[in-house]
Amino acid sequence: MRDIIRAIAAEAEEELAYGVPSFRLGGRPFVYYAAFKAHTSLYPMTDAIKRANAAALKSYKTAKGTVQFPLDKPLPVALVKRLVKARLSELRAKAKGAA
């Protein structure tokens, strides 16, 4: 997951936040990812991102702000890319609105 995020947002800064690997972009939290016993998680995934990708996400567990990918299946790289790009678009739109 790290490589996917890095490829999409090479300018993002890596750090640990809340005890998990994360990226900041323009001084703001961008995405976090973590591995657990049975899944990996990607967050924050806003309701807007989850709604826009509902069909693709229906076979994955989602919770408030997160998408979980089971470890017993290959990581859906194309979907992860789409989610990270959507998150990047959200952050850039917020930054534009704040400027």
Protein backbone atom coordinates (compact mmCIF):
# COMPACT_ATOMS: atom_id res chain seq x y z
CA MET A 1 0.00 0.00 0.00
CA ARG A 2 2.87 2.33 0.77
CA ASP A 3 4.23 2.05 -2.76
CA ILE A 4 0.82 2.85 -4.25
CA ILE A 5 0.43 5.94 -2.09
CA ARG A 6 3.98 7.08 -2.76
CA ALA A 7 3.48 6.70 -6.55
CA ILE A 8 0.33 8.83 -6.48
CA ALA A 9 1.54 11.51 -4.09
CA ALA A 10 5.33 11.52 -4.23
CA GLU A 11 5.41 14.90 -2.47
CA ALA A 12 3.61 13.55 0.59
CA GLU A 13 5.62 13.27 3.79
CA GLU A 14 5.68 9.96 5.62
CA GLU A 15 5.22 9.77 9.36
CA LEU A 16 3.74 7.68 12.12
CA ALA A 17 0.46 8.97 13.46
CA TYR A 18 -1.74 7.21 15.97
CA GLY A 19 0.84 4.42 15.90
CA VAL A 20 0.37 3.60 12.20
CA PRO A 21 2.15 4.58 8.98
CA SER A 22 0.68 7.71 7.47
CA PHE A 23 1.24 10.46 4.96
CA ARG A 24 0.83 14.23 5.26
CA LEU A 25 0.36 16.52 2.33
CA GLY A 26 0.74 20.26 2.61
CA GLY A 27 0.95 19.89 6.38
CA ARG A 28 -2.44 18.12 6.53
CA PRO A 29 -3.18 14.45 7.19
CA PHE A 30 -3.60 12.66 3.86
CA VAL A 31 -3.95 8.89 4.35
CA TYR A 32 -3.14 6.25 6.92
CA TYR A 33 -2.75 2.53 6.42
CA ALA A 34 -2.29 -0.34 8.82
CA ALA A 35 -2.07 -4.11 8.91
CA PHE A 36 -4.03 -6.22 11.34
CA LYS A 37 -4.44 -9.96 11.93
CA ALA A 38 -6.96 -10.50 9.12
CA HIS A 39 -6.95 -7.29 7.07
CA THR A 40 -5.23 -4.10 6.04
CA SER A 41 -6.99 -0.79 6.41
CA LEU A 42 -6.89 2.44 4.46
CA TYR A 43 -8.23 5.63 5.99
CA PRO A 44 -9.59 8.24 6.19
CA MET A 45 -12.15 7.42 3.54
CA THR A 46 -14.90 9.99 3.67
CA ASP A 47 -18.55 9.22 3.08
CA ALA A 48 -18.28 10.99 -0.28
CA ILE A 49 -15.45 8.71 -1.40
CA LYS A 50 -17.28 5.62 -0.16
CA ARG A 51 -20.48 6.67 -1.95
CA ALA A 52 -18.65 7.39 -5.20
CA ASN A 53 -17.02 3.96 -5.07
CA ALA A 54 -19.92 2.02 -3.54
CA ALA A 55 -20.13 -0.61 -6.27
CA ALA A 56 -16.42 -1.40 -6.06
CA LEU A 57 -16.47 -1.41 -2.25
CA LYS A 58 -19.50 -3.65 -1.75
CA SER A 59 -17.37 -6.78 -1.32
CA TYR A 60 -15.14 -5.12 1.30
CA LYS A 61 -15.84 -4.26 4.90
CA THR A 62 -16.12 -0.56 5.54
CA ALA A 63 -16.51 1.29 8.79
CA LYS A 64 -16.58 4.95 9.70
CA GLY A 65 -13.69 6.41 7.77
CA THR A 66 -12.02 3.15 6.74
CA VAL A 67 -11.96 0.43 4.14
CA GLN A 68 -10.68 -3.01 5.10
CA PHE A 69 -9.01 -5.39 2.65
CA PRO A 70 -8.77 -9.03 3.78
CA LEU A 71 -5.28 -10.51 3.89
CA ASP A 72 -6.44 -13.81 2.39
CA LYS A 73 -7.13 -12.10 -0.95
CA PRO A 74 -4.86 -10.06 -3.23
CA LEU A 75 -4.87 -6.34 -2.60
CA PRO A 76 -7.14 -4.67 -5.20
CA VAL A 77 -4.44 -2.34 -6.50
CA ALA A 78 -6.65 -0.50 -9.01
CA LEU A 79 -9.26 0.19 -6.31
CA VAL A 80 -6.66 1.36 -3.81
CA LYS A 81 -5.24 3.72 -6.45
CA ARG A 82 -8.70 5.09 -7.15
CA LEU A 83 -9.39 5.65 -3.44
CA VAL A 84 -6.04 7.36 -2.84
CA LYS A 85 -6.55 9.59 -5.90
CA ALA A 86 -10.03 10.51 -4.64
CA ARG A 87 -8.59 11.41 -1.25
CA LEU A 88 -5.90 13.50 -2.93
CA SER A 89 -8.57 15.36 -4.92
CA GLU A 90 -10.51 16.05 -1.71
CA LEU A 91 -7.46 17.50 0.01
CA ARG A 92 -6.55 19.66 -2.95
CA ALA A 93 -10.12 20.96 -3.21
CA LYS A 94 -10.11 21.83 0.50
CA ALA A 95 -6.76 23.59 0.15
CA LYS A 96 -8.08 25.62 -2.78
CA GLY A 97 -11.19 26.58 -0.82
CA ALA A 98 -9.11 27.68 2.16
CA ALA A 99 -6.79 29.81 0.04
